[in-house]
Amino acid sequence: MKFLSSKYAKVLTFVLLLQGVGYYALARRAEHVPIVGPLALFPMSFGGWTTLHEFPMEKEVEDVLKADDSLNREYVNPAQRAEAYLFIAFFKTQRYGQSPHSPKNCLPGAGWEQITADRPVVTVPGWPAPIQINRYVVQHGEQKSVTLYWYQSHSRVIASEFSAKFWLVADSIRYHRSDTALVRVVVPVVNDDVERATRTGVAFTKALFPQLLRQLPL
């Protein structure tokens, strides 16, 4: 009974109601599904960063993810002696239950333990205001990495999963759209220098962002 009266139960109830309203709104209206080019054509090089490896998506992961398109690459910047792993999952619609899986849920399932988490604000080219993104510092055995991620739709960049659900409902009602993308950047931590890995991730995000604006539907 204490749980039912707690703030967590109230938030959970609100989220479930919000999802119900969203799916009802989607079901009653014809949805506008944007035309978007394949992620396979995403630039191999930009802003001093060049693709080193492209990783095919495993069938088991595809079946769980249920994204309409995805990209999984390693980029390197020789001048900065830096590397970053980019993952993008694009969903044309969330009408039939497809939706991005939060990295904060996936990473523990893969054996990564969270050390710290926050939401830095980053100024990116081509966007009218600084964007807020998630930063997770995680560890698996002796390995550490910095994970930056956010949700990107036609007119917003969202860090919060809760806010993503809210805007899903709002955009479904106003624009008849539910498309979204999960963008994740992972930078390995070298010599236990988390701040350097964070700076590398932020620099990569700034170089990446104009390419995202060209790739993802407006």
N, C-alpha and C. Protein backbone atom coordinates (compact mmCIF):
# COMPACT_ATOMS: atom_id res chain seq x y z
N MET A 1 0.82 -1.20 0.00
CA MET A 1 0.00 0.00 0.00
C MET A 1 0.87 1.26 0.00
N LYS A 2 2.02 1.18 0.70
CA LYS A 2 2.90 2.35 0.70
C LYS A 2 3.40 2.66 -0.71
N PHE A 3 3.70 1.58 -1.48
CA PHE A 3 4.19 1.81 -2.84
C PHE A 3 3.13 2.49 -3.69
N LEU A 4 1.87 2.07 -3.53
CA LEU A 4 0.79 2.63 -4.34
C LEU A 4 0.59 4.12 -4.10
N SER A 5 0.98 4.57 -2.90
CA SER A 5 0.83 5.99 -2.59
C SER A 5 2.12 6.77 -2.78
N SER A 6 3.17 6.10 -3.23
CA SER A 6 4.46 6.77 -3.41
C SER A 6 4.48 7.57 -4.70
N LYS A 7 5.49 8.46 -4.80
CA LYS A 7 5.61 9.29 -6.00
C LYS A 7 5.97 8.45 -7.22
N TYR A 8 6.68 7.32 -6.99
CA TYR A 8 7.07 6.47 -8.10
C TYR A 8 5.85 5.81 -8.73
N ALA A 9 4.94 5.37 -7.89
CA ALA A 9 3.71 4.76 -8.40
C ALA A 9 2.87 5.78 -9.16
N LYS A 10 2.85 7.00 -8.66
CA LYS A 10 2.08 8.05 -9.33
C LYS A 10 2.69 8.39 -10.70
N VAL A 11 4.01 8.46 -10.74
CA VAL A 11 4.68 8.74 -12.02
C VAL A 11 4.43 7.60 -12.99
N LEU A 12 4.55 6.35 -12.52
CA LEU A 12 4.32 5.19 -13.37
C LEU A 12 2.90 5.18 -13.91
N THR A 13 1.94 5.49 -13.05
CA THR A 13 0.54 5.55 -13.48
C THR A 13 0.34 6.60 -14.55
N PHE A 14 0.97 7.77 -14.34
CA PHE A 14 0.83 8.85 -15.32
C PHE A 14 1.43 8.46 -16.66
N VAL A 15 2.61 7.81 -16.62
CA VAL A 15 3.25 7.37 -17.86
C VAL A 15 2.38 6.38 -18.60
N LEU A 16 1.79 5.43 -17.89
CA LEU A 16 0.92 4.43 -18.51
C LEU A 16 -0.32 5.09 -19.13
N LEU A 17 -0.88 6.06 -18.41
CA LEU A 17 -2.03 6.79 -18.96
C LEU A 17 -1.62 7.58 -20.20
N LEU A 18 -0.45 8.18 -20.14
CA LEU A 18 0.06 8.96 -21.27
C LEU A 18 0.25 8.07 -22.49
N GLN A 19 0.82 6.88 -22.28
CA GLN A 19 0.99 5.95 -23.39
C GLN A 19 -0.35 5.54 -23.96
N GLY A 20 -1.33 5.30 -23.08
CA GLY A 20 -2.66 4.91 -23.56
C GLY A 20 -3.29 5.98 -24.42
N VAL A 21 -3.15 7.23 -23.98
CA VAL A 21 -3.69 8.35 -24.76
C VAL A 21 -2.98 8.44 -26.10
N GLY A 22 -1.65 8.25 -26.07
CA GLY A 22 -0.87 8.33 -27.31
C GLY A 22 -1.28 7.27 -28.31
N TYR A 23 -1.40 6.03 -27.88
CA TYR A 23 -1.77 4.96 -28.79
C TYR A 23 -3.19 5.14 -29.31
N TYR A 24 -4.07 5.69 -28.46
CA TYR A 24 -5.43 5.96 -28.90
C TYR A 24 -5.44 7.05 -29.98
N ALA A 25 -4.63 8.09 -29.73
CA ALA A 25 -4.55 9.19 -30.71
C ALA A 25 -3.99 8.69 -32.03
N LEU A 26 -2.98 7.83 -31.97
CA LEU A 26 -2.40 7.29 -33.19
C LEU A 26 -3.39 6.41 -33.94
N ALA A 27 -4.12 5.61 -33.20
CA ALA A 27 -5.02 4.65 -33.83
C ALA A 27 -6.17 5.34 -34.56
N ARG A 28 -6.58 6.49 -34.06
CA ARG A 28 -7.75 7.17 -34.64
C ARG A 28 -7.41 8.04 -35.85
N ARG A 29 -6.16 8.32 -36.08
CA ARG A 29 -5.77 9.24 -37.14
C ARG A 29 -4.82 8.56 -38.11
N ALA A 30 -4.91 8.96 -39.36
CA ALA A 30 -3.92 8.49 -40.34
C ALA A 30 -2.59 9.14 -40.00
N GLU A 31 -1.53 8.35 -39.95
CA GLU A 31 -0.24 8.86 -39.53
C GLU A 31 0.59 9.31 -40.72
N HIS A 32 1.31 10.41 -40.53
CA HIS A 32 2.25 10.89 -41.54
C HIS A 32 3.59 10.23 -41.28
N VAL A 33 4.01 9.36 -42.19
CA VAL A 33 5.29 8.68 -42.05
C VAL A 33 6.29 9.35 -42.98
N PRO A 34 7.34 9.97 -42.45
CA PRO A 34 8.26 10.73 -43.29
C PRO A 34 9.12 9.83 -44.17
N ILE A 35 9.56 10.40 -45.28
CA ILE A 35 10.50 9.71 -46.16
C ILE A 35 11.92 10.07 -45.71
N VAL A 36 12.73 9.06 -45.49
CA VAL A 36 14.09 9.30 -45.01
C VAL A 36 15.05 8.35 -45.72
N GLY A 37 16.23 8.85 -46.03
CA GLY A 37 17.22 8.04 -46.72
C GLY A 37 17.81 6.97 -45.82
N PRO A 38 18.35 5.90 -46.38
CA PRO A 38 18.92 4.82 -45.57
C PRO A 38 20.15 5.27 -44.79
N LEU A 39 20.29 4.77 -43.57
CA LEU A 39 21.43 5.12 -42.74
C LEU A 39 22.74 4.58 -43.31
N ALA A 40 22.65 3.61 -44.20
CA ALA A 40 23.86 3.09 -44.85
C ALA A 40 24.57 4.19 -45.64
N LEU A 41 23.83 5.22 -46.04
CA LEU A 41 24.41 6.33 -46.80
C LEU A 41 24.89 7.47 -45.90
N PHE A 42 24.79 7.28 -44.59
CA PHE A 42 25.28 8.30 -43.67
C PHE A 42 26.76 8.54 -43.92
N PRO A 43 27.22 9.80 -43.88
CA PRO A 43 28.62 10.10 -44.24
C PRO A 43 29.64 9.25 -43.49
N MET A 44 30.59 8.74 -44.23
CA MET A 44 31.67 7.95 -43.65
C MET A 44 32.72 8.85 -42.99
N SER A 45 32.76 10.13 -43.41
CA SER A 45 33.72 11.06 -42.86
C SER A 45 33.06 12.42 -42.67
N PHE A 46 33.43 13.10 -41.60
CA PHE A 46 32.95 14.47 -41.35
C PHE A 46 33.77 15.07 -40.21
N GLY A 47 34.06 16.36 -40.34
CA GLY A 47 34.70 17.12 -39.26
C GLY A 47 35.97 16.51 -38.71
N GLY A 48 36.77 15.87 -39.57
CA GLY A 48 38.00 15.27 -39.10
C GLY A 48 37.86 13.84 -38.62
N TRP A 49 36.63 13.32 -38.60
CA TRP A 49 36.35 11.96 -38.16
C TRP A 49 36.12 11.07 -39.38
N THR A 50 36.68 9.87 -39.35
CA THR A 50 36.58 8.93 -40.47
C THR A 50 36.19 7.55 -39.95
N THR A 51 35.35 6.85 -40.71
CA THR A 51 34.93 5.51 -40.32
C THR A 51 36.10 4.54 -40.35
N LEU A 52 36.26 3.80 -39.26
CA LEU A 52 37.28 2.76 -39.19
C LEU A 52 36.66 1.38 -39.38
N HIS A 53 35.52 1.15 -38.73
CA HIS A 53 34.82 -0.13 -38.85
C HIS A 53 33.31 0.11 -38.91
N GLU A 54 32.63 -0.76 -39.63
CA GLU A 54 31.17 -0.78 -39.62
C GLU A 54 30.76 -2.15 -39.10
N PHE A 55 29.92 -2.16 -38.07
CA PHE A 55 29.55 -3.40 -37.42
C PHE A 55 28.13 -3.81 -37.83
N PRO A 56 27.96 -4.97 -38.44
CA PRO A 56 26.61 -5.42 -38.80
C PRO A 56 25.80 -5.73 -37.54
N MET A 57 24.51 -5.46 -37.63
CA MET A 57 23.63 -5.72 -36.51
C MET A 57 23.30 -7.21 -36.43
N GLU A 58 23.44 -7.79 -35.26
CA GLU A 58 23.11 -9.20 -35.08
C GLU A 58 21.60 -9.40 -35.15
N LYS A 59 21.20 -10.55 -35.69
CA LYS A 59 19.78 -10.84 -35.89
C LYS A 59 19.01 -10.77 -34.57
N GLU A 60 19.60 -11.28 -33.50
CA GLU A 60 18.92 -11.26 -32.21
C GLU A 60 18.67 -9.83 -31.73
N VAL A 61 19.67 -8.96 -31.98
CA VAL A 61 19.52 -7.55 -31.58
C VAL A 61 18.46 -6.87 -32.44
N GLU A 62 18.46 -7.14 -33.73
CA GLU A 62 17.46 -6.56 -34.63
C GLU A 62 16.05 -6.94 -34.20
N ASP A 63 15.88 -8.20 -33.81
CA ASP A 63 14.55 -8.68 -33.41
C ASP A 63 14.05 -7.98 -32.14
N VAL A 64 14.97 -7.66 -31.24
CA VAL A 64 14.59 -6.97 -30.01
C VAL A 64 14.39 -5.48 -30.26
N LEU A 65 15.30 -4.90 -31.04
CA LEU A 65 15.28 -3.46 -31.29
C LEU A 65 14.05 -3.03 -32.09
N LYS A 66 13.74 -3.74 -33.16
CA LYS A 66 12.59 -3.47 -34.02
C LYS A 66 12.65 -2.08 -34.65
N ALA A 67 13.86 -1.61 -34.91
CA ALA A 67 14.02 -0.32 -35.58
C ALA A 67 13.82 -0.50 -37.08
N ASP A 68 13.40 0.57 -37.76
CA ASP A 68 13.25 0.53 -39.21
C ASP A 68 14.61 0.61 -39.91
N ASP A 69 15.57 1.24 -39.26
CA ASP A 69 16.91 1.33 -39.82
C ASP A 69 17.87 1.58 -38.67
N SER A 70 19.13 1.19 -38.86
CA SER A 70 20.11 1.39 -37.80
C SER A 70 21.51 1.53 -38.39
N LEU A 71 22.39 2.09 -37.60
CA LEU A 71 23.78 2.28 -37.99
C LEU A 71 24.64 2.00 -36.78
N ASN A 72 25.76 1.31 -36.99
CA ASN A 72 26.66 0.96 -35.90
C ASN A 72 28.09 1.03 -36.42
N ARG A 73 28.81 2.12 -36.10
CA ARG A 73 30.14 2.36 -36.66
C ARG A 73 31.13 2.83 -35.60
N GLU A 74 32.40 2.61 -35.93
CA GLU A 74 33.49 3.19 -35.16
C GLU A 74 34.16 4.26 -36.01
N TYR A 75 34.27 5.46 -35.46
CA TYR A 75 34.96 6.57 -36.13
C TYR A 75 36.25 6.89 -35.39
N VAL A 76 37.24 7.36 -36.14
CA VAL A 76 38.50 7.78 -35.53
C VAL A 76 38.86 9.18 -36.02
N ASN A 77 39.58 9.88 -35.18
CA ASN A 77 40.10 11.20 -35.53
C ASN A 77 41.62 11.16 -35.34
N PRO A 78 42.37 10.89 -36.42
CA PRO A 78 43.83 10.73 -36.28
C PRO A 78 44.51 11.95 -35.68
N ALA A 79 44.04 13.15 -36.01
CA ALA A 79 44.68 14.36 -35.51
C ALA A 79 44.57 14.45 -33.99
N GLN A 80 43.46 13.99 -33.45
CA GLN A 80 43.24 14.05 -32.01
C GLN A 80 43.57 12.73 -31.31
N ARG A 81 43.97 11.72 -32.10
CA ARG A 81 44.21 10.39 -31.55
C ARG A 81 43.02 9.92 -30.72
N ALA A 82 41.85 10.04 -31.31
CA ALA A 82 40.62 9.75 -30.59
C ALA A 82 39.76 8.79 -31.39
N GLU A 83 38.88 8.08 -30.69
CA GLU A 83 37.91 7.19 -31.32
C GLU A 83 36.56 7.34 -30.65
N ALA A 84 35.51 7.07 -31.42
CA ALA A 84 34.15 7.15 -30.89
C ALA A 84 33.29 6.15 -31.65
N TYR A 85 32.39 5.52 -30.92
CA TYR A 85 31.47 4.56 -31.51
C TYR A 85 30.09 5.21 -31.63
N LEU A 86 29.54 5.16 -32.82
CA LEU A 86 28.24 5.79 -33.10
C LEU A 86 27.19 4.72 -33.38
N PHE A 87 26.07 4.84 -32.68
CA PHE A 87 24.92 3.97 -32.94
C PHE A 87 23.69 4.84 -33.13
N ILE A 88 22.96 4.59 -34.21
CA ILE A 88 21.70 5.30 -34.49
C ILE A 88 20.63 4.26 -34.77
N ALA A 89 19.49 4.39 -34.13
CA ALA A 89 18.33 3.55 -34.43
C ALA A 89 17.18 4.48 -34.79
N PHE A 90 16.65 4.31 -36.01
CA PHE A 90 15.58 5.18 -36.48
C PHE A 90 14.26 4.41 -36.56
N PHE A 91 13.20 5.04 -36.07
CA PHE A 91 11.87 4.45 -36.05
C PHE A 91 10.92 5.37 -36.83
N LYS A 92 10.38 4.86 -37.93
CA LYS A 92 9.45 5.66 -38.73
C LYS A 92 8.17 5.93 -37.98
N THR A 93 7.76 4.97 -37.16
CA THR A 93 6.53 5.08 -36.39
C THR A 93 6.67 4.32 -35.09
N GLN A 94 5.94 4.78 -34.07
CA GLN A 94 5.84 4.06 -32.81
C GLN A 94 4.42 3.56 -32.59
N ARG A 95 3.67 3.54 -33.67
CA ARG A 95 2.26 3.17 -33.58
C ARG A 95 2.06 1.72 -33.16
N TYR A 96 2.95 0.83 -33.59
CA TYR A 96 2.73 -0.60 -33.36
C TYR A 96 3.63 -1.17 -32.28
N GLY A 97 4.02 -0.32 -31.34
CA GLY A 97 4.79 -0.80 -30.20
C GLY A 97 6.29 -0.68 -30.35
N GLN A 98 6.79 -0.29 -31.54
CA GLN A 98 8.22 -0.08 -31.70
C GLN A 98 8.60 1.22 -30.99
N SER A 99 9.66 1.20 -30.24
CA SER A 99 10.15 2.41 -29.60
C SER A 99 11.60 2.18 -29.19
N PRO A 100 12.37 3.25 -29.06
CA PRO A 100 13.78 3.09 -28.68
C PRO A 100 13.94 2.45 -27.31
N HIS A 101 14.98 1.64 -27.17
CA HIS A 101 15.31 1.04 -25.88
C HIS A 101 16.35 1.93 -25.21
N SER A 102 16.06 2.37 -24.02
CA SER A 102 16.97 3.26 -23.32
C SER A 102 18.30 2.57 -23.02
N PRO A 103 19.43 3.20 -23.36
CA PRO A 103 20.73 2.63 -23.02
C PRO A 103 20.92 2.39 -21.53
N LYS A 104 20.25 3.19 -20.70
CA LYS A 104 20.43 2.99 -19.26
C LYS A 104 19.81 1.68 -18.79
N ASN A 105 18.94 1.10 -19.63
CA ASN A 105 18.41 -0.24 -19.33
C ASN A 105 19.22 -1.33 -20.03
N CYS A 106 19.69 -1.03 -21.24
CA CYS A 106 20.43 -2.03 -22.02
C CYS A 106 21.84 -2.27 -21.48
N LEU A 107 22.50 -1.20 -21.04
CA LEU A 107 23.89 -1.34 -20.60
C LEU A 107 24.05 -2.27 -19.40
N PRO A 108 23.20 -2.16 -18.36
CA PRO A 108 23.34 -3.12 -17.25
C PRO A 108 23.09 -4.55 -17.69
N GLY A 109 22.18 -4.73 -18.65
CA GLY A 109 21.91 -6.07 -19.15
C GLY A 109 23.09 -6.67 -19.88
N ALA A 110 23.99 -5.82 -20.38
CA ALA A 110 25.18 -6.29 -21.07
C ALA A 110 26.39 -6.38 -20.14
N GLY A 111 26.16 -6.17 -18.85
CA GLY A 111 27.23 -6.32 -17.87
C GLY A 111 27.93 -5.04 -17.48
N TRP A 112 27.47 -3.88 -17.98
CA TRP A 112 28.10 -2.61 -17.65
C TRP A 112 27.46 -2.04 -16.39
N GLU A 113 28.29 -1.58 -15.48
CA GLU A 113 27.83 -1.01 -14.22
C GLU A 113 27.96 0.52 -14.27
N GLN A 114 26.87 1.20 -13.91
CA GLN A 114 26.89 2.66 -13.93
C GLN A 114 27.73 3.21 -12.78
N ILE A 115 28.61 4.17 -13.13
CA ILE A 115 29.41 4.86 -12.12
C ILE A 115 28.81 6.22 -11.80
N THR A 116 28.59 7.01 -12.84
CA THR A 116 27.95 8.32 -12.68
C THR A 116 26.98 8.55 -13.83
N ALA A 117 26.05 9.47 -13.60
CA ALA A 117 25.09 9.84 -14.64
C ALA A 117 24.71 11.30 -14.45
N ASP A 118 24.68 12.04 -15.55
CA ASP A 118 24.23 13.42 -15.50
C ASP A 118 23.72 13.82 -16.88
N ARG A 119 23.33 15.08 -17.01
CA ARG A 119 22.78 15.58 -18.27
C ARG A 119 23.45 16.89 -18.64
N PRO A 120 24.59 16.82 -19.32
CA PRO A 120 25.27 18.04 -19.73
C PRO A 120 24.52 18.76 -20.85
N VAL A 121 24.79 20.03 -20.97
CA VAL A 121 24.23 20.86 -22.04
C VAL A 121 25.34 21.13 -23.04
N VAL A 122 25.04 20.91 -24.32
CA VAL A 122 26.04 21.03 -25.37
C VAL A 122 25.54 21.99 -26.45
N THR A 123 26.38 22.92 -26.85
CA THR A 123 26.05 23.81 -27.97
C THR A 123 26.49 23.14 -29.26
N VAL A 124 25.53 22.95 -30.17
CA VAL A 124 25.80 22.25 -31.42
C VAL A 124 25.46 23.15 -32.60
N PRO A 125 26.19 23.03 -33.70
CA PRO A 125 25.91 23.86 -34.88
C PRO A 125 24.59 23.48 -35.52
N GLY A 126 23.88 24.51 -36.01
CA GLY A 126 22.65 24.27 -36.75
C GLY A 126 21.41 24.16 -35.89
N TRP A 127 21.55 24.31 -34.57
CA TRP A 127 20.40 24.20 -33.66
C TRP A 127 20.25 25.53 -32.92
N PRO A 128 19.01 26.02 -32.74
CA PRO A 128 18.83 27.37 -32.20
C PRO A 128 19.23 27.54 -30.73
N ALA A 129 19.33 26.45 -29.98
CA ALA A 129 19.67 26.55 -28.57
C ALA A 129 20.53 25.35 -28.18
N PRO A 130 21.28 25.46 -27.09
CA PRO A 130 22.05 24.30 -26.62
C PRO A 130 21.13 23.11 -26.34
N ILE A 131 21.62 21.91 -26.57
CA ILE A 131 20.83 20.71 -26.33
C ILE A 131 21.29 20.03 -25.04
N GLN A 132 20.34 19.40 -24.37
CA GLN A 132 20.66 18.61 -23.18
C GLN A 132 20.67 17.14 -23.56
N ILE A 133 21.75 16.44 -23.17
CA ILE A 133 21.89 15.03 -23.51
C ILE A 133 22.23 14.25 -22.24
N ASN A 134 22.14 12.93 -22.33
CA ASN A 134 22.51 12.07 -21.21
C ASN A 134 23.99 11.71 -21.28
N ARG A 135 24.63 11.67 -20.12
CA ARG A 135 26.00 11.16 -20.03
C ARG A 135 26.04 10.08 -18.96
N TYR A 136 26.47 8.89 -19.37
CA TYR A 136 26.64 7.78 -18.44
C TYR A 136 28.10 7.33 -18.48
N VAL A 137 28.71 7.28 -17.32
CA VAL A 137 30.03 6.69 -17.20
C VAL A 137 29.82 5.28 -16.66
N VAL A 138 30.27 4.28 -17.41
CA VAL A 138 30.00 2.89 -17.05
C VAL A 138 31.29 2.09 -17.03
N GLN A 139 31.24 0.97 -16.32
CA GLN A 139 32.42 0.13 -16.17
C GLN A 139 32.04 -1.33 -16.33
N HIS A 140 32.91 -2.08 -17.02
CA HIS A 140 32.75 -3.53 -17.19
C HIS A 140 34.12 -4.15 -16.94
N GLY A 141 34.32 -4.72 -15.74
CA GLY A 141 35.64 -5.23 -15.39
C GLY A 141 36.64 -4.09 -15.33
N GLU A 142 37.71 -4.19 -16.11
CA GLU A 142 38.73 -3.15 -16.14
C GLU A 142 38.42 -2.03 -17.13
N GLN A 143 37.39 -2.23 -17.94
CA GLN A 143 37.06 -1.26 -18.98
C GLN A 143 36.08 -0.21 -18.47
N LYS A 144 36.28 1.01 -18.89
CA LYS A 144 35.36 2.11 -18.63
C LYS A 144 35.05 2.81 -19.94
N SER A 145 33.87 3.39 -20.01
CA SER A 145 33.53 4.19 -21.19
C SER A 145 32.54 5.27 -20.80
N VAL A 146 32.52 6.30 -21.62
CA VAL A 146 31.54 7.39 -21.48
C VAL A 146 30.50 7.22 -22.58
N THR A 147 29.24 7.15 -22.18
CA THR A 147 28.14 7.02 -23.13
C THR A 147 27.31 8.29 -23.14
N LEU A 148 27.18 8.90 -24.30
CA LEU A 148 26.30 10.05 -24.49
C LEU A 148 25.13 9.61 -25.37
N TYR A 149 23.93 9.98 -25.00
CA TYR A 149 22.80 9.61 -25.87
C TYR A 149 21.65 10.59 -25.71
N TRP A 150 20.79 10.60 -26.73
CA TRP A 150 19.60 11.43 -26.71
C TRP A 150 18.61 10.88 -27.73
N TYR A 151 17.38 11.40 -27.66
CA TYR A 151 16.33 11.06 -28.62
C TYR A 151 16.12 12.28 -29.51
N GLN A 152 16.05 12.06 -30.81
CA GLN A 152 15.94 13.17 -31.75
C GLN A 152 14.76 12.94 -32.69
N SER A 153 13.85 13.90 -32.70
CA SER A 153 12.69 13.84 -33.59
C SER A 153 12.72 15.04 -34.51
N HIS A 154 11.61 15.31 -35.18
CA HIS A 154 11.62 16.32 -36.25
C HIS A 154 11.92 17.73 -35.76
N SER A 155 11.65 18.04 -34.51
CA SER A 155 11.87 19.41 -34.06
C SER A 155 12.46 19.49 -32.66
N ARG A 156 12.91 18.36 -32.12
CA ARG A 156 13.43 18.38 -30.77
C ARG A 156 14.56 17.39 -30.53
N VAL A 157 15.35 17.74 -29.53
CA VAL A 157 16.35 16.83 -28.98
C VAL A 157 15.97 16.62 -27.52
N ILE A 158 15.80 15.37 -27.11
CA ILE A 158 15.26 15.06 -25.79
C ILE A 158 16.21 14.13 -25.06
N ALA A 159 16.48 14.43 -23.80
CA ALA A 159 17.29 13.55 -22.97
C ALA A 159 16.43 12.60 -22.16
N SER A 160 15.35 13.11 -21.60
CA SER A 160 14.53 12.35 -20.66
C SER A 160 13.61 11.36 -21.37
N GLU A 161 13.59 10.11 -20.91
CA GLU A 161 12.66 9.12 -21.44
C GLU A 161 11.21 9.54 -21.16
N PHE A 162 10.98 10.12 -20.00
CA PHE A 162 9.64 10.58 -19.65
C PHE A 162 9.17 11.67 -20.61
N SER A 163 10.06 12.64 -20.88
CA SER A 163 9.71 13.72 -21.82
C SER A 163 9.47 13.17 -23.22
N ALA A 164 10.24 12.13 -23.60
CA ALA A 164 10.05 11.52 -24.92
C ALA A 164 8.64 10.95 -25.05
N LYS A 165 8.12 10.34 -23.98
CA LYS A 165 6.76 9.81 -24.01
C LYS A 165 5.73 10.94 -24.14
N PHE A 166 5.99 12.02 -23.41
CA PHE A 166 5.06 13.16 -23.47
C PHE A 166 4.99 13.73 -24.88
N TRP A 167 6.17 13.95 -25.49
CA TRP A 167 6.18 14.55 -26.83
C TRP A 167 5.69 13.59 -27.90
N LEU A 168 5.80 12.29 -27.64
CA LEU A 168 5.21 11.31 -28.55
C LEU A 168 3.71 11.54 -28.65
N VAL A 169 3.05 11.71 -27.51
CA VAL A 169 1.61 11.96 -27.50
C VAL A 169 1.29 13.30 -28.16
N ALA A 170 2.04 14.35 -27.78
CA ALA A 170 1.77 15.68 -28.31
C ALA A 170 1.94 15.73 -29.82
N ASP A 171 3.02 15.14 -30.33
CA ASP A 171 3.27 15.16 -31.77
C ASP A 171 2.30 14.27 -32.53
N SER A 172 1.85 13.19 -31.91
CA SER A 172 0.87 12.31 -32.54
C SER A 172 -0.45 13.05 -32.75
N ILE A 173 -0.80 13.88 -31.78
CA ILE A 173 -2.06 14.62 -31.86
C ILE A 173 -1.93 15.82 -32.81
N ARG A 174 -0.84 16.57 -32.68
CA ARG A 174 -0.69 17.81 -33.44
C ARG A 174 -0.25 17.57 -34.88
N TYR A 175 0.72 16.67 -35.07
CA TYR A 175 1.33 16.52 -36.38
C TYR A 175 1.08 15.16 -37.03
N HIS A 176 0.42 14.26 -36.33
CA HIS A 176 0.17 12.90 -36.83
C HIS A 176 1.48 12.18 -37.14
N ARG A 177 2.48 12.42 -36.29
CA ARG A 177 3.79 11.80 -36.48
C ARG A 177 4.26 11.17 -35.17
N SER A 178 4.99 10.06 -35.30
CA SER A 178 5.59 9.44 -34.11
C SER A 178 7.00 8.95 -34.39
N ASP A 179 7.61 9.45 -35.47
CA ASP A 179 8.97 9.03 -35.81
C ASP A 179 9.98 9.59 -34.80
N THR A 180 11.03 8.85 -34.58
CA THR A 180 12.08 9.30 -33.66
C THR A 180 13.35 8.52 -33.93
N ALA A 181 14.44 9.00 -33.37
CA ALA A 181 15.72 8.31 -33.49
C ALA A 181 16.42 8.32 -32.14
N LEU A 182 17.07 7.22 -31.82
CA LEU A 182 17.97 7.16 -30.68
C LEU A 182 19.39 7.33 -31.21
N VAL A 183 20.11 8.29 -30.67
CA VAL A 183 21.50 8.53 -31.07
C VAL A 183 22.39 8.28 -29.85
N ARG A 184 23.38 7.41 -30.02
CA ARG A 184 24.27 7.05 -28.90
C ARG A 184 25.72 7.15 -29.35
N VAL A 185 26.53 7.80 -28.53
CA VAL A 185 27.96 7.94 -28.78
C VAL A 185 28.70 7.33 -27.59
N VAL A 186 29.62 6.42 -27.86
CA VAL A 186 30.39 5.77 -26.80
C VAL A 186 31.88 6.03 -27.04
N VAL A 187 32.55 6.51 -26.01
CA VAL A 187 33.99 6.78 -26.08
C VAL A 187 34.69 5.98 -24.98
N PRO A 188 35.63 5.12 -25.33
CA PRO A 188 36.38 4.37 -24.31
C PRO A 188 37.20 5.32 -23.44
N VAL A 189 37.28 5.01 -22.15
CA VAL A 189 38.10 5.78 -21.22
C VAL A 189 39.52 5.19 -21.21
N VAL A 190 40.51 6.03 -21.50
CA VAL A 190 41.92 5.61 -21.53
C VAL A 190 42.64 6.21 -20.34
N ASN A 191 43.43 5.40 -19.64
CA ASN A 191 44.20 5.85 -18.48
C ASN A 191 43.32 6.48 -17.40
N ASP A 192 42.11 5.97 -17.31
CA ASP A 192 41.15 6.41 -16.29
C ASP A 192 40.81 7.89 -16.38
N ASP A 193 41.00 8.48 -17.57
CA ASP A 193 40.74 9.92 -17.77
C ASP A 193 39.32 10.10 -18.32
N VAL A 194 38.35 10.12 -17.41
CA VAL A 194 36.95 10.24 -17.81
C VAL A 194 36.66 11.59 -18.46
N GLU A 195 37.28 12.63 -17.94
CA GLU A 195 37.02 13.97 -18.48
C GLU A 195 37.50 14.09 -19.93
N ARG A 196 38.63 13.48 -20.23
CA ARG A 196 39.12 13.51 -21.61
C ARG A 196 38.16 12.76 -22.54
N ALA A 197 37.68 11.60 -22.08
CA ALA A 197 36.72 10.84 -22.88
C ALA A 197 35.44 11.63 -23.09
N THR A 198 35.02 12.36 -22.05
CA THR A 198 33.83 13.20 -22.18
C THR A 198 34.05 14.30 -23.21
N ARG A 199 35.20 14.94 -23.15
CA ARG A 199 35.50 16.01 -24.11
C ARG A 199 35.51 15.45 -25.54
N THR A 200 36.06 14.25 -25.70
CA THR A 200 36.08 13.62 -27.02
C THR A 200 34.65 13.36 -27.49
N GLY A 201 33.80 12.85 -26.60
CA GLY A 201 32.41 12.57 -26.96
C GLY A 201 31.65 13.83 -27.34
N VAL A 202 31.90 14.90 -26.61
CA VAL A 202 31.23 16.17 -26.91
C VAL A 202 31.72 16.72 -28.25
N ALA A 203 33.03 16.65 -28.50
CA ALA A 203 33.58 17.12 -29.78
C ALA A 203 33.01 16.32 -30.94
N PHE A 204 32.90 15.00 -30.75
CA PHE A 204 32.32 14.16 -31.80
C PHE A 204 30.85 14.52 -32.02
N THR A 205 30.12 14.76 -30.94
CA THR A 205 28.70 15.15 -31.05
C THR A 205 28.55 16.44 -31.84
N LYS A 206 29.41 17.41 -31.59
CA LYS A 206 29.34 18.68 -32.32
C LYS A 206 29.62 18.48 -33.80
N ALA A 207 30.59 17.63 -34.14
CA ALA A 207 30.88 17.36 -35.55
C ALA A 207 29.77 16.55 -36.20
N LEU A 208 29.14 15.68 -35.42
CA LEU A 208 28.10 14.79 -35.92
C LEU A 208 26.78 15.50 -36.19
N PHE A 209 26.46 16.47 -35.38
CA PHE A 209 25.10 17.00 -35.37
C PHE A 209 24.63 17.55 -36.72
N PRO A 210 25.42 18.32 -37.44
CA PRO A 210 24.94 18.78 -38.76
C PRO A 210 24.60 17.63 -39.70
N GLN A 211 25.31 16.52 -39.59
CA GLN A 211 25.01 15.36 -40.43
C GLN A 211 23.67 14.74 -40.04
N LEU A 212 23.37 14.75 -38.75
CA LEU A 212 22.07 14.24 -38.28
C LEU A 212 20.93 15.09 -38.82
N LEU A 213 21.14 16.41 -38.85
CA LEU A 213 20.09 17.30 -39.36
C LEU A 213 19.81 17.05 -40.83
N ARG A 214 20.84 16.64 -41.57
CA ARG A 214 20.64 16.32 -42.99
C ARG A 214 20.00 14.95 -43.17
N GLN A 215 20.28 14.03 -42.26
CA GLN A 215 19.82 12.65 -42.40
C GLN A 215 18.40 12.44 -41.89
N LEU A 216 18.12 12.96 -40.70
CA LEU A 216 16.84 12.68 -40.06
C LEU A 216 15.77 13.65 -40.54
N PRO A 217 14.52 13.19 -40.62
CA PRO A 217 13.45 14.03 -41.17
C PRO A 217 13.15 15.23 -40.27
N LEU A 218 12.86 16.37 -40.90
CA LEU A 218 12.51 17.59 -40.16
C LEU A 218 11.01 17.67 -39.96
